[in-house]
Amino acid sequence: MDKEKALKRVERIIKELVDGENKEIVGNIVVDILDIDDLALVKGNRIYFSKKVEKLSDEALKYIVAHELAHLIVKRHTEKFWEIVRNLYPDYIKGKREVEEFVTKTKSR
């Protein structure tokens, strides 16, 4: 998958997660795909995703996107943070498990 396809996929998932009742992104969020070690990270209003996300299922990517969107509001993994993740992606535990499995597999190589 090339960078443009990966960006479109991330943008589609952001739209999917945010479309709905009482969910709205205020301001501009910039997303990019880079060659970074972490699967994703937030800097200001920018969310950078690793090229590795191309290999993830939609469920795992939804979790990462919800996780990073929550970090735009709450920096630490507090109860409020997880409430935001759950609000964006109610089935986040399934995606989180897939991400954990992916990380375990890629670290063991």
C-alpha atoms as a PDB file:
ATOM      1  CA  MET A   1       0.000   0.000   0.000  1.00  0.00           C
ATOM      2  CA  ASP A   2       1.410   3.398  -0.869  1.00  0.00           C
ATOM      3  CA  LYS A   3       1.390   6.497   1.312  1.00  0.00           C
ATOM      4  CA  GLU A   4      -1.628   8.073  -0.425  1.00  0.00           C
ATOM      5  CA  LYS A   5      -3.742   4.941   0.045  1.00  0.00           C
ATOM      6  CA  ALA A   6      -2.701   4.696   3.682  1.00  0.00           C
ATOM      7  CA  LEU A   7      -3.585   8.364   4.284  1.00  0.00           C
ATOM      8  CA  LYS A   8      -6.989   7.933   2.635  1.00  0.00           C
ATOM      9  CA  ARG A   9      -7.621   4.875   4.796  1.00  0.00           C
ATOM     10  CA  VAL A  10      -6.719   6.774   7.985  1.00  0.00           C
ATOM     11  CA  GLU A  11      -8.873   9.745   6.942  1.00  0.00           C
ATOM     12  CA  ARG A  12     -11.803   7.407   6.171  1.00  0.00           C
ATOM     13  CA  ILE A  13     -11.499   5.836   9.615  1.00  0.00           C
ATOM     14  CA  ILE A  14     -11.309   9.254  11.320  1.00  0.00           C
ATOM     15  CA  LYS A  15     -14.508  10.259   9.516  1.00  0.00           C
ATOM     16  CA  GLU A  16     -16.144   6.949  10.446  1.00  0.00           C
ATOM     17  CA  LEU A  17     -15.276   7.357  14.139  1.00  0.00           C
ATOM     18  CA  VAL A  18     -16.256  11.011  14.386  1.00  0.00           C
ATOM     19  CA  ASP A  19     -19.488  10.876  12.374  1.00  0.00           C
ATOM     20  CA  GLY A  20     -22.313  10.499  14.823  1.00  0.00           C
ATOM     21  CA  GLU A  21     -24.047  12.108  17.720  1.00  0.00           C
ATOM     22  CA  ASN A  22     -22.135  14.646  19.787  1.00  0.00           C
ATOM     23  CA  LYS A  23     -18.819  14.032  18.025  1.00  0.00           C
ATOM     24  CA  GLU A  24     -16.994  16.781  16.242  1.00  0.00           C
ATOM     25  CA  ILE A  25     -13.415  17.764  15.571  1.00  0.00           C
ATOM     26  CA  VAL A  26     -12.851  21.444  16.195  1.00  0.00           C
ATOM     27  CA  GLY A  27      -9.960  22.956  14.269  1.00  0.00           C
ATOM     28  CA  ASN A  28      -7.672  21.285  11.793  1.00  0.00           C
ATOM     29  CA  ILE A  29      -5.984  17.979  12.363  1.00  0.00           C
ATOM     30  CA  VAL A  30      -3.118  17.088  10.085  1.00  0.00           C
ATOM     31  CA  VAL A  31      -2.319  13.413   9.532  1.00  0.00           C
ATOM     32  CA  ASP A  32       0.733  11.969   7.860  1.00  0.00           C
ATOM     33  CA  ILE A  33       2.374   8.603   7.290  1.00  0.00           C
ATOM     34  CA  LEU A  34       6.051   8.500   8.256  1.00  0.00           C
ATOM     35  CA  ASP A  35       8.822   6.004   8.828  1.00  0.00           C
ATOM     36  CA  ILE A  36       8.643   6.034  12.648  1.00  0.00           C
ATOM     37  CA  ASP A  37       9.045   3.303  15.260  1.00  0.00           C
ATOM     38  CA  ASP A  38       5.827   4.004  17.189  1.00  0.00           C
ATOM     39  CA  LEU A  39       2.603   3.029  15.435  1.00  0.00           C
ATOM     40  CA  ALA A  40       1.405   6.609  15.903  1.00  0.00           C
ATOM     41  CA  LEU A  41       2.138   9.764  17.839  1.00  0.00           C
ATOM     42  CA  VAL A  42       0.618  13.186  18.400  1.00  0.00           C
ATOM     43  CA  LYS A  43       2.502  16.484  18.159  1.00  0.00           C
ATOM     44  CA  GLY A  44       0.280  19.532  18.567  1.00  0.00           C
ATOM     45  CA  ASN A  45      -2.581  19.154  16.085  1.00  0.00           C
ATOM     46  CA  ARG A  46      -0.694  16.580  14.006  1.00  0.00           C
ATOM     47  CA  ILE A  47      -1.070  12.823  14.168  1.00  0.00           C
ATOM     48  CA  TYR A  48       1.764  10.863  12.620  1.00  0.00           C
ATOM     49  CA  PHE A  49       1.175   7.232  11.719  1.00  0.00           C
ATOM     50  CA  SER A  50       3.873   4.671  11.054  1.00  0.00           C
ATOM     51  CA  LYS A  51       4.097   2.976   7.690  1.00  0.00           C
ATOM     52  CA  LYS A  52       3.462  -0.196   9.706  1.00  0.00           C
ATOM     53  CA  VAL A  53      -0.241   0.688  10.025  1.00  0.00           C
ATOM     54  CA  GLU A  54      -0.662  -0.410   6.416  1.00  0.00           C
ATOM     55  CA  LYS A  55      -0.442  -3.986   7.719  1.00  0.00           C
ATOM     56  CA  LEU A  56      -3.160  -3.573  10.364  1.00  0.00           C
ATOM     57  CA  SER A  57      -6.798  -4.573  10.105  1.00  0.00           C
ATOM     58  CA  ASP A  58      -9.420  -1.832  10.123  1.00  0.00           C
ATOM     59  CA  GLU A  59     -10.342  -2.786  13.704  1.00  0.00           C
ATOM     60  CA  ALA A  60      -6.761  -2.304  14.904  1.00  0.00           C
ATOM     61  CA  LEU A  61      -6.383   0.935  12.962  1.00  0.00           C
ATOM     62  CA  LYS A  62      -9.674   2.246  14.377  1.00  0.00           C
ATOM     63  CA  TYR A  63      -8.277   1.657  17.858  1.00  0.00           C
ATOM     64  CA  ILE A  64      -5.052   3.522  17.062  1.00  0.00           C
ATOM     65  CA  VAL A  65      -6.960   6.427  15.515  1.00  0.00           C
ATOM     66  CA  ALA A  66      -9.360   6.657  18.490  1.00  0.00           C
ATOM     67  CA  HIS A  67      -6.385   6.428  20.870  1.00  0.00           C
ATOM     68  CA  GLU A  68      -4.524   9.254  19.142  1.00  0.00           C
ATOM     69  CA  LEU A  69      -7.644  11.440  18.806  1.00  0.00           C
ATOM     70  CA  ALA A  70      -8.159  11.019  22.562  1.00  0.00           C
ATOM     71  CA  HIS A  71      -4.563  12.175  23.110  1.00  0.00           C
ATOM     72  CA  LEU A  72      -5.454  15.466  21.418  1.00  0.00           C
ATOM     73  CA  ILE A  73      -7.681  16.119  24.440  1.00  0.00           C
ATOM     74  CA  VAL A  74      -6.062  14.175  27.298  1.00  0.00           C
ATOM     75  CA  LYS A  75      -2.331  13.483  27.270  1.00  0.00           C
ATOM     76  CA  ARG A  76      -2.180  10.683  29.843  1.00  0.00           C
ATOM     77  CA  HIS A  77      -4.072   7.395  29.984  1.00  0.00           C
ATOM     78  CA  THR A  78      -6.527   8.556  32.645  1.00  0.00           C
ATOM     79  CA  GLU A  79     -10.119   7.461  33.175  1.00  0.00           C
ATOM     80  CA  LYS A  80     -11.232  10.473  31.084  1.00  0.00           C
ATOM     81  CA  PHE A  81      -8.879   9.409  28.272  1.00  0.00           C
ATOM     82  CA  TRP A  82     -10.392   5.902  28.119  1.00  0.00           C
ATOM     83  CA  GLU A  83     -13.893   7.390  28.253  1.00  0.00           C
ATOM     84  CA  ILE A  84     -13.067   9.391  25.115  1.00  0.00           C
ATOM     85  CA  VAL A  85     -11.617   6.323  23.366  1.00  0.00           C
ATOM     86  CA  ARG A  86     -14.739   4.323  24.300  1.00  0.00           C
ATOM     87  CA  ASN A  87     -17.010   7.123  23.056  1.00  0.00           C
ATOM     88  CA  LEU A  88     -15.210   7.233  19.704  1.00  0.00           C
ATOM     89  CA  TYR A  89     -14.873   3.470  19.305  1.00  0.00           C
ATOM     90  CA  PRO A  90     -17.102   1.445  21.658  1.00  0.00           C
ATOM     91  CA  ASP A  91     -15.532  -1.873  20.579  1.00  0.00           C
ATOM     92  CA  TYR A  92     -11.997  -0.545  21.164  1.00  0.00           C
ATOM     93  CA  ILE A  93     -10.912  -3.558  23.237  1.00  0.00           C
ATOM     94  CA  LYS A  94     -11.023  -5.808  20.153  1.00  0.00           C
ATOM     95  CA  GLY A  95      -8.829  -3.365  18.204  1.00  0.00           C
ATOM     96  CA  LYS A  96      -6.496  -2.926  21.179  1.00  0.00           C
ATOM     97  CA  ARG A  97      -5.967  -6.698  21.383  1.00  0.00           C
ATOM     98  CA  GLU A  98      -5.163  -6.853  17.670  1.00  0.00           C
ATOM     99  CA  VAL A  99      -2.625  -4.040  18.065  1.00  0.00           C
ATOM    100  CA  GLU A 100      -1.016  -5.794  21.045  1.00  0.00           C
ATOM    101  CA  GLU A 101      -0.759  -9.033  19.031  1.00  0.00           C
ATOM    102  CA  PHE A 102       0.734  -7.148  16.077  1.00  0.00           C
ATOM    103  CA  VAL A 103       3.320  -5.436  18.295  1.00  0.00           C
ATOM    104  CA  THR A 104       4.246  -8.748  19.939  1.00  0.00           C
ATOM    105  CA  LYS A 105       4.694 -10.438  16.546  1.00  0.00           C
ATOM    106  CA  THR A 106       6.778  -7.633  15.063  1.00  0.00           C
ATOM    107  CA  LYS A 107       9.026  -7.398  18.139  1.00  0.00           C
ATOM    108  CA  SER A 108       9.750 -11.127  18.081  1.00  0.00           C
ATOM    109  CA  ARG A 109      11.103 -10.956  14.542  1.00  0.00           C
END
